Amino acid sequence: MAVICNICGLPNDLCACGDLAKDSTKIIVRLETRRFKKKGTMIEGLDPKLNNLDKVAKELKAKYACGGTAKDGYIFLQGDHRDTMKDALINLGFAESSIELH
């Protein structure tokens, strides 16, 4: 017997709730200055219930060859990566219209 999704009522094989949630989120990418004038890229607006933040952070850290962390609904990467972050998030499956750069 197929498992039914609680949100849309379709079987899990046909469920598209995760893809719809990725399209409807509002992602904000901004530069933040931390202690000792160290700059970092902050990615906010990701829902930890719908997205695996650790997996997304791991892929971004590998792409940019930098350190970082994923906590409480945001991802912080060391260094300024705002110029190419939009393309990287689009490649991970997020909608282009939902990504805002500051």
N, C-alpha and C. Protein backbone atom coordinates (compact mmCIF):
# COMPACT_ATOMS: atom_id res chain seq x y z
N MET A 1 0.84 -1.18 0.00
CA MET A 1 0.00 0.00 0.00
C MET A 1 0.89 1.24 0.00
N ALA A 2 0.54 2.22 -0.82
CA ALA A 2 1.34 3.43 -0.97
C ALA A 2 1.13 4.37 0.21
N VAL A 3 2.19 5.07 0.55
CA VAL A 3 2.12 6.07 1.61
C VAL A 3 1.60 7.37 1.02
N ILE A 4 0.63 7.99 1.68
CA ILE A 4 -0.02 9.20 1.20
C ILE A 4 0.61 10.43 1.85
N CYS A 5 0.84 11.46 1.05
CA CYS A 5 1.38 12.72 1.55
C CYS A 5 0.31 13.45 2.36
N ASN A 6 0.69 14.01 3.49
CA ASN A 6 -0.26 14.72 4.35
C ASN A 6 -0.67 16.08 3.79
N ILE A 7 0.15 16.66 2.93
CA ILE A 7 -0.10 18.01 2.43
C ILE A 7 -1.01 17.99 1.21
N CYS A 8 -0.62 17.21 0.19
CA CYS A 8 -1.38 17.25 -1.06
C CYS A 8 -2.33 16.07 -1.24
N GLY A 9 -2.17 15.00 -0.49
CA GLY A 9 -3.06 13.86 -0.59
C GLY A 9 -2.70 12.87 -1.67
N LEU A 10 -1.61 13.10 -2.38
CA LEU A 10 -1.16 12.19 -3.42
C LEU A 10 -0.20 11.15 -2.83
N PRO A 11 -0.01 10.02 -3.53
CA PRO A 11 1.01 9.08 -3.07
C PRO A 11 2.39 9.72 -3.11
N ASN A 12 3.30 9.27 -2.26
CA ASN A 12 4.63 9.87 -2.18
C ASN A 12 5.38 9.77 -3.51
N ASP A 13 5.06 8.77 -4.34
CA ASP A 13 5.71 8.65 -5.65
C ASP A 13 5.37 9.83 -6.55
N LEU A 14 4.16 10.36 -6.44
CA LEU A 14 3.69 11.45 -7.29
C LEU A 14 3.73 12.81 -6.61
N CYS A 15 4.06 12.86 -5.34
CA CYS A 15 4.02 14.10 -4.57
C CYS A 15 5.03 15.11 -5.09
N ALA A 16 4.60 16.35 -5.23
CA ALA A 16 5.46 17.42 -5.71
C ALA A 16 5.53 18.56 -4.70
N CYS A 17 5.20 18.30 -3.46
CA CYS A 17 5.18 19.35 -2.44
C CYS A 17 6.57 19.94 -2.21
N GLY A 18 7.61 19.11 -2.24
CA GLY A 18 8.97 19.60 -2.03
C GLY A 18 9.41 20.55 -3.12
N ASP A 19 9.08 20.23 -4.37
CA ASP A 19 9.44 21.10 -5.49
C ASP A 19 8.66 22.40 -5.44
N LEU A 20 7.38 22.34 -5.07
CA LEU A 20 6.57 23.55 -4.96
C LEU A 20 7.07 24.44 -3.83
N ALA A 21 7.52 23.83 -2.74
CA ALA A 21 8.03 24.60 -1.61
C ALA A 21 9.31 25.32 -1.99
N LYS A 22 10.17 24.67 -2.80
CA LYS A 22 11.40 25.32 -3.24
C LYS A 22 11.09 26.54 -4.09
N ASP A 23 10.03 26.47 -4.90
CA ASP A 23 9.67 27.60 -5.76
C ASP A 23 9.07 28.76 -4.98
N SER A 24 8.41 28.47 -3.87
CA SER A 24 7.70 29.52 -3.14
C SER A 24 8.53 30.18 -2.04
N THR A 25 9.73 29.69 -1.74
CA THR A 25 10.53 30.29 -0.69
C THR A 25 11.18 31.58 -1.17
N LYS A 26 11.44 32.49 -0.25
CA LYS A 26 12.11 33.76 -0.54
C LYS A 26 13.51 33.68 0.06
N ILE A 27 14.52 33.56 -0.79
CA ILE A 27 15.90 33.39 -0.34
C ILE A 27 16.62 34.72 -0.44
N ILE A 28 17.27 35.13 0.64
CA ILE A 28 18.02 36.38 0.67
C ILE A 28 19.49 36.06 0.85
N VAL A 29 20.32 36.57 -0.06
CA VAL A 29 21.77 36.38 0.01
C VAL A 29 22.38 37.74 0.29
N ARG A 30 23.13 37.83 1.39
CA ARG A 30 23.72 39.13 1.74
C ARG A 30 25.11 38.93 2.33
N LEU A 31 25.86 40.00 2.39
CA LEU A 31 27.20 40.00 2.95
C LEU A 31 27.12 40.42 4.42
N GLU A 32 27.83 39.71 5.26
CA GLU A 32 27.85 40.04 6.68
C GLU A 32 29.30 40.11 7.15
N THR A 33 29.58 41.11 7.97
CA THR A 33 30.92 41.26 8.54
C THR A 33 30.89 40.75 9.97
N ARG A 34 31.78 39.83 10.26
CA ARG A 34 31.86 39.23 11.59
C ARG A 34 33.06 39.80 12.34
N ARG A 35 33.45 39.12 13.39
CA ARG A 35 34.57 39.59 14.21
C ARG A 35 35.84 39.74 13.38
N PHE A 36 36.66 40.68 13.77
CA PHE A 36 37.95 40.95 13.15
C PHE A 36 37.82 41.28 11.66
N LYS A 37 36.70 41.92 11.27
CA LYS A 37 36.43 42.37 9.90
C LYS A 37 36.46 41.23 8.90
N LYS A 38 36.07 40.03 9.32
CA LYS A 38 35.98 38.88 8.41
C LYS A 38 34.63 38.93 7.71
N LYS A 39 34.63 38.80 6.40
CA LYS A 39 33.40 38.86 5.62
C LYS A 39 32.89 37.46 5.33
N GLY A 40 31.57 37.35 5.27
CA GLY A 40 30.95 36.07 4.99
C GLY A 40 29.65 36.26 4.24
N THR A 41 29.23 35.22 3.54
CA THR A 41 27.99 35.25 2.77
C THR A 41 26.90 34.56 3.58
N MET A 42 25.82 35.26 3.84
CA MET A 42 24.69 34.73 4.61
C MET A 42 23.55 34.43 3.65
N ILE A 43 23.04 33.19 3.71
CA ILE A 43 21.91 32.77 2.88
C ILE A 43 20.76 32.48 3.84
N GLU A 44 19.72 33.31 3.79
CA GLU A 44 18.58 33.19 4.70
C GLU A 44 17.31 32.86 3.92
N GLY A 45 16.34 32.34 4.63
CA GLY A 45 15.04 32.08 4.03
C GLY A 45 14.82 30.63 3.64
N LEU A 46 15.78 29.77 3.89
CA LEU A 46 15.62 28.35 3.58
C LEU A 46 14.88 27.68 4.73
N ASP A 47 13.86 26.91 4.41
CA ASP A 47 13.08 26.22 5.43
C ASP A 47 13.76 24.91 5.80
N PRO A 48 14.20 24.74 7.05
CA PRO A 48 14.90 23.50 7.42
C PRO A 48 14.00 22.28 7.39
N LYS A 49 12.68 22.46 7.41
CA LYS A 49 11.77 21.31 7.34
C LYS A 49 11.67 20.77 5.93
N LEU A 50 11.81 21.64 4.93
CA LEU A 50 11.66 21.23 3.54
C LEU A 50 12.99 20.98 2.83
N ASN A 51 14.05 21.63 3.29
CA ASN A 51 15.36 21.49 2.66
C ASN A 51 16.34 20.91 3.67
N ASN A 52 17.22 20.06 3.21
CA ASN A 52 18.28 19.55 4.06
C ASN A 52 19.41 20.57 4.04
N LEU A 53 19.45 21.43 5.05
CA LEU A 53 20.41 22.53 5.07
C LEU A 53 21.85 22.03 5.10
N ASP A 54 22.09 20.93 5.81
CA ASP A 54 23.45 20.40 5.87
C ASP A 54 23.93 19.96 4.49
N LYS A 55 23.04 19.34 3.72
CA LYS A 55 23.41 18.89 2.38
C LYS A 55 23.66 20.08 1.45
N VAL A 56 22.80 21.09 1.51
CA VAL A 56 22.97 22.29 0.68
C VAL A 56 24.26 23.01 1.06
N ALA A 57 24.53 23.13 2.37
CA ALA A 57 25.75 23.79 2.83
C ALA A 57 26.98 23.01 2.39
N LYS A 58 26.92 21.70 2.45
CA LYS A 58 28.06 20.88 2.05
C LYS A 58 28.37 21.05 0.57
N GLU A 59 27.33 21.10 -0.27
CA GLU A 59 27.54 21.29 -1.70
C GLU A 59 28.09 22.68 -2.01
N LEU A 60 27.59 23.70 -1.31
CA LEU A 60 28.10 25.06 -1.54
C LEU A 60 29.53 25.21 -1.06
N LYS A 61 29.85 24.61 0.09
CA LYS A 61 31.23 24.69 0.60
C LYS A 61 32.19 23.98 -0.34
N ALA A 62 31.77 22.86 -0.93
CA ALA A 62 32.63 22.16 -1.88
C ALA A 62 32.81 22.96 -3.16
N LYS A 63 31.74 23.61 -3.62
CA LYS A 63 31.83 24.41 -4.85
C LYS A 63 32.75 25.60 -4.68
N TYR A 64 32.65 26.30 -3.55
CA TYR A 64 33.44 27.50 -3.33
C TYR A 64 34.74 27.25 -2.57
N ALA A 65 34.99 26.03 -2.15
CA ALA A 65 36.21 25.67 -1.42
C ALA A 65 36.42 26.59 -0.22
N CYS A 66 35.40 26.67 0.62
CA CYS A 66 35.46 27.53 1.80
C CYS A 66 34.82 26.82 2.97
N GLY A 67 34.94 27.40 4.13
CA GLY A 67 34.28 26.87 5.31
C GLY A 67 32.92 27.50 5.47
N GLY A 68 32.14 26.93 6.36
CA GLY A 68 30.83 27.49 6.60
C GLY A 68 30.03 26.62 7.55
N THR A 69 28.78 27.03 7.79
CA THR A 69 27.92 26.31 8.71
C THR A 69 26.46 26.47 8.30
N ALA A 70 25.64 25.56 8.78
CA ALA A 70 24.20 25.63 8.56
C ALA A 70 23.51 25.53 9.92
N LYS A 71 22.78 26.58 10.30
CA LYS A 71 22.11 26.62 11.60
C LYS A 71 20.79 27.39 11.48
N ASP A 72 19.81 26.97 12.23
CA ASP A 72 18.57 27.74 12.47
C ASP A 72 17.97 28.39 11.22
N GLY A 73 17.98 27.72 10.08
CA GLY A 73 17.35 28.26 8.89
C GLY A 73 18.23 29.17 8.06
N TYR A 74 19.52 29.22 8.33
CA TYR A 74 20.41 30.00 7.47
C TYR A 74 21.69 29.23 7.23
N ILE A 75 22.39 29.61 6.16
CA ILE A 75 23.69 29.04 5.83
C ILE A 75 24.67 30.20 5.79
N PHE A 76 25.81 30.03 6.46
CA PHE A 76 26.85 31.05 6.47
C PHE A 76 28.10 30.46 5.83
N LEU A 77 28.62 31.12 4.78
CA LEU A 77 29.85 30.70 4.12
C LEU A 77 30.92 31.76 4.32
N GLN A 78 32.15 31.33 4.54
CA GLN A 78 33.25 32.26 4.72
C GLN A 78 33.62 32.87 3.37
N GLY A 79 33.75 34.17 3.34
CA GLY A 79 34.13 34.88 2.12
C GLY A 79 32.92 35.49 1.42
N ASP A 80 33.21 36.35 0.45
CA ASP A 80 32.17 37.03 -0.31
C ASP A 80 31.91 36.26 -1.61
N HIS A 81 30.76 35.60 -1.69
CA HIS A 81 30.41 34.79 -2.86
C HIS A 81 29.10 35.25 -3.50
N ARG A 82 28.74 36.50 -3.27
CA ARG A 82 27.45 36.99 -3.76
C ARG A 82 27.36 37.02 -5.28
N ASP A 83 28.48 37.25 -5.96
CA ASP A 83 28.42 37.42 -7.40
C ASP A 83 28.02 36.14 -8.14
N THR A 84 28.34 34.97 -7.63
CA THR A 84 28.00 33.72 -8.30
C THR A 84 27.03 32.84 -7.51
N MET A 85 26.57 33.33 -6.38
CA MET A 85 25.70 32.52 -5.52
C MET A 85 24.35 32.25 -6.18
N LYS A 86 23.83 33.20 -6.94
CA LYS A 86 22.52 33.01 -7.57
C LYS A 86 22.56 31.83 -8.54
N ASP A 87 23.62 31.73 -9.34
CA ASP A 87 23.75 30.61 -10.28
C ASP A 87 23.89 29.28 -9.54
N ALA A 88 24.62 29.29 -8.43
CA ALA A 88 24.81 28.05 -7.67
C ALA A 88 23.50 27.58 -7.06
N LEU A 89 22.69 28.50 -6.56
CA LEU A 89 21.40 28.11 -5.98
C LEU A 89 20.42 27.65 -7.04
N ILE A 90 20.48 28.24 -8.22
CA ILE A 90 19.62 27.79 -9.32
C ILE A 90 20.00 26.37 -9.72
N ASN A 91 21.29 26.07 -9.75
CA ASN A 91 21.74 24.71 -10.08
C ASN A 91 21.30 23.70 -9.02
N LEU A 92 21.09 24.14 -7.78
CA LEU A 92 20.62 23.24 -6.72
C LEU A 92 19.11 23.04 -6.76
N GLY A 93 18.40 23.76 -7.63
CA GLY A 93 16.98 23.53 -7.81
C GLY A 93 16.07 24.62 -7.28
N PHE A 94 16.60 25.73 -6.84
CA PHE A 94 15.78 26.82 -6.34
C PHE A 94 15.40 27.73 -7.51
N ALA A 95 14.23 28.36 -7.43
CA ALA A 95 13.74 29.21 -8.50
C ALA A 95 14.52 30.52 -8.55
N GLU A 96 14.78 30.99 -9.77
CA GLU A 96 15.54 32.23 -9.95
C GLU A 96 14.79 33.43 -9.41
N SER A 97 13.47 33.42 -9.52
CA SER A 97 12.68 34.57 -9.07
C SER A 97 12.62 34.68 -7.56
N SER A 98 12.93 33.60 -6.83
CA SER A 98 12.85 33.63 -5.38
C SER A 98 14.17 34.03 -4.71
N ILE A 99 15.23 34.25 -5.49
CA ILE A 99 16.55 34.58 -4.93
C ILE A 99 16.76 36.09 -5.03
N GLU A 100 17.08 36.70 -3.91
CA GLU A 100 17.29 38.15 -3.85
C GLU A 100 18.69 38.42 -3.31
N LEU A 101 19.47 39.22 -4.02
CA LEU A 101 20.83 39.57 -3.60
C LEU A 101 20.83 40.94 -2.96
N HIS A 102 21.56 41.08 -1.87
CA HIS A 102 21.71 42.37 -1.18
C HIS A 102 23.15 42.77 -1.17
